[in-house]
Amino acid sequence: MVLSNYVTLPPNVPRRLQFTGEIGFEDREITDPVTGKLKRIRLMVLGVSRVDNEERDTELSVTSERLATTLNAYSKRAGWEKFGYVITRHGDGFGSSFEVTRLPNESTP
């Protein structure tokens, strides 16, 4: 089994994530799945310490503006990284929507 260095969000599969508090923005070139052409995008990158209750040292790269806006709002709250977040992607491609639920971390009393 190959472990990837990033978190994937498959459609209709809830993923429980614990963030490290590290947030950045990067410019990357991707191949547009519709046109097949290269394009430059800006995405949000968050450090992740747990995925589905397993310790990991990985990252979540967010290309969806809607999901980035939601996670950015959570990140502005003090102590936001002390909580677990369940993210579920609904749909596929550009039409995807995301459901985000904030949960207490197991180690938080």
Protein backbone atom coordinates (compact mmCIF):
# COMPACT_ATOMS: atom_id res chain seq x y z
CA MET A 1 0.00 0.00 0.00
CA VAL A 2 1.39 3.40 -1.00
CA LEU A 3 0.75 6.27 1.39
CA SER A 4 0.20 9.60 -0.30
CA ASN A 5 1.50 12.85 1.12
CA TYR A 6 -1.85 14.59 0.72
CA VAL A 7 -5.45 14.00 1.78
CA THR A 8 -8.03 12.99 -0.82
CA LEU A 9 -11.74 13.67 -0.46
CA PRO A 10 -13.59 10.99 -2.43
CA PRO A 11 -17.25 11.70 -3.21
CA ASN A 12 -19.73 10.87 -0.43
CA VAL A 13 -17.06 9.56 1.98
CA PRO A 14 -16.80 11.54 5.23
CA ARG A 15 -13.18 12.26 6.23
CA ARG A 16 -12.33 13.25 9.78
CA LEU A 17 -9.35 15.61 9.81
CA GLN A 18 -7.30 17.25 12.55
CA PHE A 19 -5.39 20.31 11.33
CA THR A 20 -1.99 21.44 12.60
CA GLY A 21 -2.79 25.14 12.38
CA GLU A 22 -0.43 25.64 9.43
CA ILE A 23 -2.16 27.42 6.54
CA GLY A 24 -0.67 28.67 3.33
CA PHE A 25 -1.62 29.63 -0.18
CA GLU A 26 0.21 28.37 -3.27
CA ASP A 27 0.06 28.98 -6.98
CA ARG A 28 0.10 25.74 -8.96
CA GLU A 29 -0.31 24.69 -12.56
CA ILE A 30 -2.95 22.05 -13.15
CA THR A 31 -4.51 20.47 -16.20
CA ASP A 32 -8.08 21.66 -16.58
CA PRO A 33 -10.18 18.46 -16.64
CA VAL A 34 -12.66 20.01 -19.10
CA THR A 35 -10.34 21.68 -21.64
CA GLY A 36 -7.22 19.56 -21.10
CA LYS A 37 -5.12 22.75 -21.04
CA LEU A 38 -2.71 23.87 -18.34
CA LYS A 39 -3.91 26.67 -16.12
CA ARG A 40 -2.54 28.43 -13.06
CA ILE A 41 -4.64 28.39 -9.89
CA ARG A 42 -4.23 29.63 -6.32
CA LEU A 43 -5.09 27.09 -3.67
CA MET A 44 -5.23 26.84 0.10
CA VAL A 45 -2.89 24.32 1.76
CA LEU A 46 -3.54 23.16 5.33
CA GLY A 47 -1.31 20.99 7.50
CA VAL A 48 -3.06 17.82 8.71
CA SER A 49 -1.98 15.78 11.75
CA ARG A 50 -4.77 13.15 11.81
CA VAL A 51 -6.89 11.52 9.09
CA ASP A 52 -9.79 9.33 10.19
CA ASN A 53 -8.27 9.04 13.69
CA GLU A 54 -4.84 7.92 12.41
CA GLU A 55 -1.78 10.08 13.02
CA ARG A 56 -0.41 11.50 9.76
CA ASP A 57 1.97 14.25 8.70
CA THR A 58 0.26 15.38 5.52
CA GLU A 59 -1.61 18.24 3.89
CA LEU A 60 -4.97 19.09 2.38
CA SER A 61 -4.81 21.12 -0.83
CA VAL A 62 -8.08 22.94 -1.42
CA THR A 63 -8.98 24.05 -4.95
CA SER A 64 -12.67 24.69 -4.22
CA GLU A 65 -13.29 28.34 -3.37
CA ARG A 66 -16.38 27.37 -1.37
CA LEU A 67 -14.48 24.90 0.80
CA ALA A 68 -11.53 27.32 1.20
CA THR A 69 -13.90 30.07 2.34
CA THR A 70 -15.48 27.75 4.94
CA LEU A 71 -12.13 26.49 6.29
CA ASN A 72 -10.66 29.99 6.29
CA ALA A 73 -13.58 31.19 8.46
CA TYR A 74 -12.91 28.37 10.97
CA SER A 75 -9.16 29.13 10.97
CA LYS A 76 -9.76 32.69 12.15
CA ARG A 77 -11.12 31.41 15.48
CA ALA A 78 -8.64 30.98 18.33
CA GLY A 79 -7.85 27.33 19.01
CA TRP A 80 -9.51 26.13 15.80
CA GLU A 81 -6.89 23.40 15.34
CA LYS A 82 -7.95 21.74 18.63
CA PHE A 83 -11.11 20.45 16.96
CA GLY A 84 -11.72 17.64 14.53
CA TYR A 85 -13.48 18.42 11.26
CA VAL A 86 -15.54 16.02 9.19
CA ILE A 87 -15.50 17.00 5.53
CA THR A 88 -17.77 15.24 3.05
CA ARG A 89 -17.61 15.99 -0.66
CA HIS A 90 -20.87 15.64 -2.56
CA GLY A 91 -20.68 15.30 -6.33
CA ASP A 92 -17.68 15.22 -8.62
CA GLY A 93 -15.64 17.80 -10.51
CA PHE A 94 -16.49 21.51 -10.57
CA GLY A 95 -20.04 20.85 -9.37
CA SER A 96 -18.91 19.40 -6.03
CA SER A 97 -20.25 20.79 -2.81
CA PHE A 98 -18.72 20.26 0.61
CA GLU A 99 -20.25 19.65 4.01
CA VAL A 100 -18.01 20.61 6.96
CA THR A 101 -18.84 19.70 10.56
CA ARG A 102 -16.66 20.79 13.48
CA LEU A 103 -16.34 18.19 16.25
CA PRO A 104 -14.44 18.19 19.53
CA ASN A 105 -11.08 16.44 19.39
CA GLU A 106 -10.94 13.18 21.38
CA SER A 107 -8.16 14.63 23.53
CA THR A 108 -10.19 17.75 24.34
CA PRO A 109 -12.12 17.36 27.64
